[in-house]
Amino acid sequence: MTAQEYMELPYNIVIRHVKDDSGAYYFATIQELDGCMSDGVTLEEAHTNIREAMEGWIETKLEAGLPVPKPLEPDKYSGKFVVRLPRTLHRRLAEEAEREGVSLNQYTQYKLSM
C-alpha cells in the first residue's frame, strides 16, 4: 500500500484539550500509530497538524520497510469475554454481589470499572 492509501483508512484520531503553565492548546495522537502526535492552538489546527504528522509517520515507516498498523476494527470488540477465576475468588464475588442485590455480571462490571 502507498502512504496515500493508508491516509484514506479510518484511523482513530484522539484530540485532547490541554491547559498548563504555557497556556491552552489541543494535543492530538493517532491511536494505532505509536509516537505519531502533534498539537495546535485550535481544534482545526490540531486536526490539520496530526494529519500532516500521520502522513510523515507512514512515509517514514514505508521508506524503512517497516510495517504500518491498520486501523482498529470497531466490530472486533463484542463487550463479552470469559475469565477463569480461582474458586475462592468466584465465591467471594458471588457473595458480595448477593449482598448488594445485583447479578454477578453486574457486580463484576462494577468492580472492573473502578
C-alpha atoms as a PDB file:
ATOM      1  CA  MET A   1       0.000   0.000   0.000  1.00  0.00           C
ATOM      2  CA  THR A   2       1.075   3.592  -0.570  1.00  0.00           C
ATOM      3  CA  ALA A   3       1.111   6.327   2.050  1.00  0.00           C
ATOM      4  CA  GLN A   4      -1.922   7.917   0.381  1.00  0.00           C
ATOM      5  CA  GLU A   5      -3.858   4.646   0.597  1.00  0.00           C
ATOM      6  CA  TYR A   6      -3.054   4.398   4.312  1.00  0.00           C
ATOM      7  CA  MET A   7      -4.170   8.032   4.766  1.00  0.00           C
ATOM      8  CA  GLU A   8      -7.619   7.104   3.460  1.00  0.00           C
ATOM      9  CA  LEU A   9      -8.131   4.385   6.098  1.00  0.00           C
ATOM     10  CA  PRO A  10     -10.262   5.182   9.183  1.00  0.00           C
ATOM     11  CA  TYR A  11      -7.557   5.644  11.820  1.00  0.00           C
ATOM     12  CA  ASN A  12      -8.630   6.789  15.290  1.00  0.00           C
ATOM     13  CA  ILE A  13      -7.570  10.385  15.918  1.00  0.00           C
ATOM     14  CA  VAL A  14      -7.657  11.406  19.573  1.00  0.00           C
ATOM     15  CA  ILE A  15      -7.576  15.135  20.351  1.00  0.00           C
ATOM     16  CA  ARG A  16      -7.473  16.410  23.931  1.00  0.00           C
ATOM     17  CA  HIS A  17      -7.756  19.975  25.167  1.00  0.00           C
ATOM     18  CA  VAL A  18      -4.796  20.722  27.449  1.00  0.00           C
ATOM     19  CA  LYS A  19      -4.291  23.582  29.903  1.00  0.00           C
ATOM     20  CA  ASP A  20      -0.922  24.000  31.575  1.00  0.00           C
ATOM     21  CA  ASP A  21       1.533  26.719  32.631  1.00  0.00           C
ATOM     22  CA  SER A  22       2.230  27.626  28.999  1.00  0.00           C
ATOM     23  CA  GLY A  23      -1.465  28.118  28.182  1.00  0.00           C
ATOM     24  CA  ALA A  24      -4.146  26.103  26.433  1.00  0.00           C
ATOM     25  CA  TYR A  25      -3.788  24.017  23.298  1.00  0.00           C
ATOM     26  CA  TYR A  26      -5.042  20.834  21.647  1.00  0.00           C
ATOM     27  CA  PHE A  27      -2.874  17.700  21.689  1.00  0.00           C
ATOM     28  CA  ALA A  28      -3.527  15.058  19.013  1.00  0.00           C
ATOM     29  CA  THR A  29      -2.442  11.452  18.555  1.00  0.00           C
ATOM     30  CA  ILE A  30      -3.292   8.558  16.249  1.00  0.00           C
ATOM     31  CA  GLN A  31      -4.324   5.645  18.440  1.00  0.00           C
ATOM     32  CA  GLU A  32      -2.846   2.953  16.184  1.00  0.00           C
ATOM     33  CA  LEU A  33       0.397   4.756  15.248  1.00  0.00           C
ATOM     34  CA  ASP A  34       2.697   4.722  18.263  1.00  0.00           C
ATOM     35  CA  GLY A  35       4.536   8.018  18.649  1.00  0.00           C
ATOM     36  CA  CYS A  36       2.521   9.873  15.989  1.00  0.00           C
ATOM     37  CA  MET A  37       1.481  13.123  17.642  1.00  0.00           C
ATOM     38  CA  SER A  38       1.018  16.821  17.069  1.00  0.00           C
ATOM     39  CA  ASP A  39      -0.766  19.811  18.537  1.00  0.00           C
ATOM     40  CA  GLY A  40      -2.410  23.086  17.643  1.00  0.00           C
ATOM     41  CA  VAL A  41      -3.838  26.241  19.177  1.00  0.00           C
ATOM     42  CA  THR A  42      -7.281  25.426  17.765  1.00  0.00           C
ATOM     43  CA  LEU A  43      -9.076  22.139  17.256  1.00  0.00           C
ATOM     44  CA  GLU A  44      -8.914  22.611  13.496  1.00  0.00           C
ATOM     45  CA  GLU A  45      -5.193  23.348  13.591  1.00  0.00           C
ATOM     46  CA  ALA A  46      -4.555  20.251  15.725  1.00  0.00           C
ATOM     47  CA  HIS A  47      -6.514  18.121  13.257  1.00  0.00           C
ATOM     48  CA  THR A  48      -4.617  19.523  10.260  1.00  0.00           C
ATOM     49  CA  ASN A  49      -1.280  19.070  12.042  1.00  0.00           C
ATOM     50  CA  ILE A  50      -1.970  15.477  13.109  1.00  0.00           C
ATOM     51  CA  ARG A  51      -2.915  14.558   9.536  1.00  0.00           C
ATOM     52  CA  GLU A  52       0.439  16.001   8.355  1.00  0.00           C
ATOM     53  CA  ALA A  53       2.277  14.147  11.127  1.00  0.00           C
ATOM     54  CA  MET A  54       0.414  10.965  10.220  1.00  0.00           C
ATOM     55  CA  GLU A  55       1.479  11.212   6.587  1.00  0.00           C
ATOM     56  CA  GLY A  56       5.116  11.732   7.586  1.00  0.00           C
ATOM     57  CA  TRP A  57       4.944   8.879  10.093  1.00  0.00           C
ATOM     58  CA  ILE A  58       3.547   6.478   7.482  1.00  0.00           C
ATOM     59  CA  GLU A  59       6.017   7.584   4.782  1.00  0.00           C
ATOM     60  CA  THR A  60       8.950   7.075   7.168  1.00  0.00           C
ATOM     61  CA  LYS A  61       7.797   3.554   8.048  1.00  0.00           C
ATOM     62  CA  LEU A  62       7.270   2.623   4.397  1.00  0.00           C
ATOM     63  CA  GLU A  63      10.676   4.019   3.337  1.00  0.00           C
ATOM     64  CA  ALA A  64      12.336   1.966   6.078  1.00  0.00           C
ATOM     65  CA  GLY A  65      10.470  -1.168   5.001  1.00  0.00           C
ATOM     66  CA  LEU A  66       8.658  -1.375   8.329  1.00  0.00           C
ATOM     67  CA  PRO A  67       5.021  -2.401   8.765  1.00  0.00           C
ATOM     68  CA  VAL A  68       2.283   0.207   9.184  1.00  0.00           C
ATOM     69  CA  PRO A  69      -0.505  -0.889  11.550  1.00  0.00           C
ATOM     70  CA  LYS A  70      -4.035  -0.975  10.166  1.00  0.00           C
ATOM     71  CA  PRO A  71      -6.869   0.867  11.931  1.00  0.00           C
ATOM     72  CA  LEU A  72      -8.580  -0.893  14.823  1.00  0.00           C
ATOM     73  CA  GLU A  73     -11.789  -2.620  13.850  1.00  0.00           C
ATOM     74  CA  PRO A  74     -14.702  -1.332  15.975  1.00  0.00           C
ATOM     75  CA  ASP A  75     -16.684  -4.548  15.458  1.00  0.00           C
ATOM     76  CA  LYS A  76     -13.776  -6.567  16.840  1.00  0.00           C
ATOM     77  CA  TYR A  77     -14.947  -5.968  20.421  1.00  0.00           C
ATOM     78  CA  SER A  78     -18.252  -7.564  21.399  1.00  0.00           C
ATOM     79  CA  GLY A  79     -18.237  -6.382  25.018  1.00  0.00           C
ATOM     80  CA  LYS A  80     -18.062 -10.002  26.190  1.00  0.00           C
ATOM     81  CA  PHE A  81     -15.138 -12.105  27.383  1.00  0.00           C
ATOM     82  CA  VAL A  82     -14.601 -15.142  29.600  1.00  0.00           C
ATOM     83  CA  VAL A  83     -12.417 -15.029  32.701  1.00  0.00           C
ATOM     84  CA  ARG A  84     -11.241 -18.059  34.662  1.00  0.00           C
ATOM     85  CA  LEU A  85     -11.038 -17.389  38.419  1.00  0.00           C
ATOM     86  CA  PRO A  86      -9.918 -19.329  41.443  1.00  0.00           C
ATOM     87  CA  ARG A  87     -12.971 -20.846  43.133  1.00  0.00           C
ATOM     88  CA  THR A  88     -12.397 -18.781  46.258  1.00  0.00           C
ATOM     89  CA  LEU A  89     -12.475 -15.524  44.315  1.00  0.00           C
ATOM     90  CA  HIS A  90     -15.564 -16.628  42.376  1.00  0.00           C
ATOM     91  CA  ARG A  91     -17.295 -17.403  45.681  1.00  0.00           C
ATOM     92  CA  ARG A  92     -16.284 -14.085  47.245  1.00  0.00           C
ATOM     93  CA  LEU A  93     -17.532 -12.084  44.235  1.00  0.00           C
ATOM     94  CA  ALA A  94     -20.805 -14.047  44.138  1.00  0.00           C
ATOM     95  CA  GLU A  95     -21.383 -13.436  47.849  1.00  0.00           C
ATOM     96  CA  GLU A  96     -20.618  -9.710  47.508  1.00  0.00           C
ATOM     97  CA  ALA A  97     -22.979  -9.445  44.543  1.00  0.00           C
ATOM     98  CA  GLU A  98     -25.726 -11.162  46.513  1.00  0.00           C
ATOM     99  CA  ARG A  99     -25.238  -8.770  49.450  1.00  0.00           C
ATOM    100  CA  GLU A 100     -25.517  -5.832  47.010  1.00  0.00           C
ATOM    101  CA  GLY A 101     -28.636  -7.338  45.431  1.00  0.00           C
ATOM    102  CA  VAL A 102     -27.195  -7.441  41.888  1.00  0.00           C
ATOM    103  CA  SER A 103     -26.156 -10.176  39.494  1.00  0.00           C
ATOM    104  CA  LEU A 104     -22.608 -11.482  39.474  1.00  0.00           C
ATOM    105  CA  ASN A 105     -22.181  -9.977  35.970  1.00  0.00           C
ATOM    106  CA  GLN A 106     -23.314  -6.521  37.136  1.00  0.00           C
ATOM    107  CA  TYR A 107     -21.101  -6.678  40.219  1.00  0.00           C
ATOM    108  CA  THR A 108     -18.077  -7.817  38.210  1.00  0.00           C
ATOM    109  CA  GLN A 109     -18.637  -4.982  35.718  1.00  0.00           C
ATOM    110  CA  TYR A 110     -18.757  -2.548  38.635  1.00  0.00           C
ATOM    111  CA  LYS A 111     -15.538  -3.917  40.126  1.00  0.00           C
ATOM    112  CA  LEU A 112     -13.708  -3.780  36.773  1.00  0.00           C
ATOM    113  CA  SER A 113     -14.732  -0.162  36.214  1.00  0.00           C
ATOM    114  CA  MET A 114     -13.180   1.014  39.489  1.00  0.00           C
END
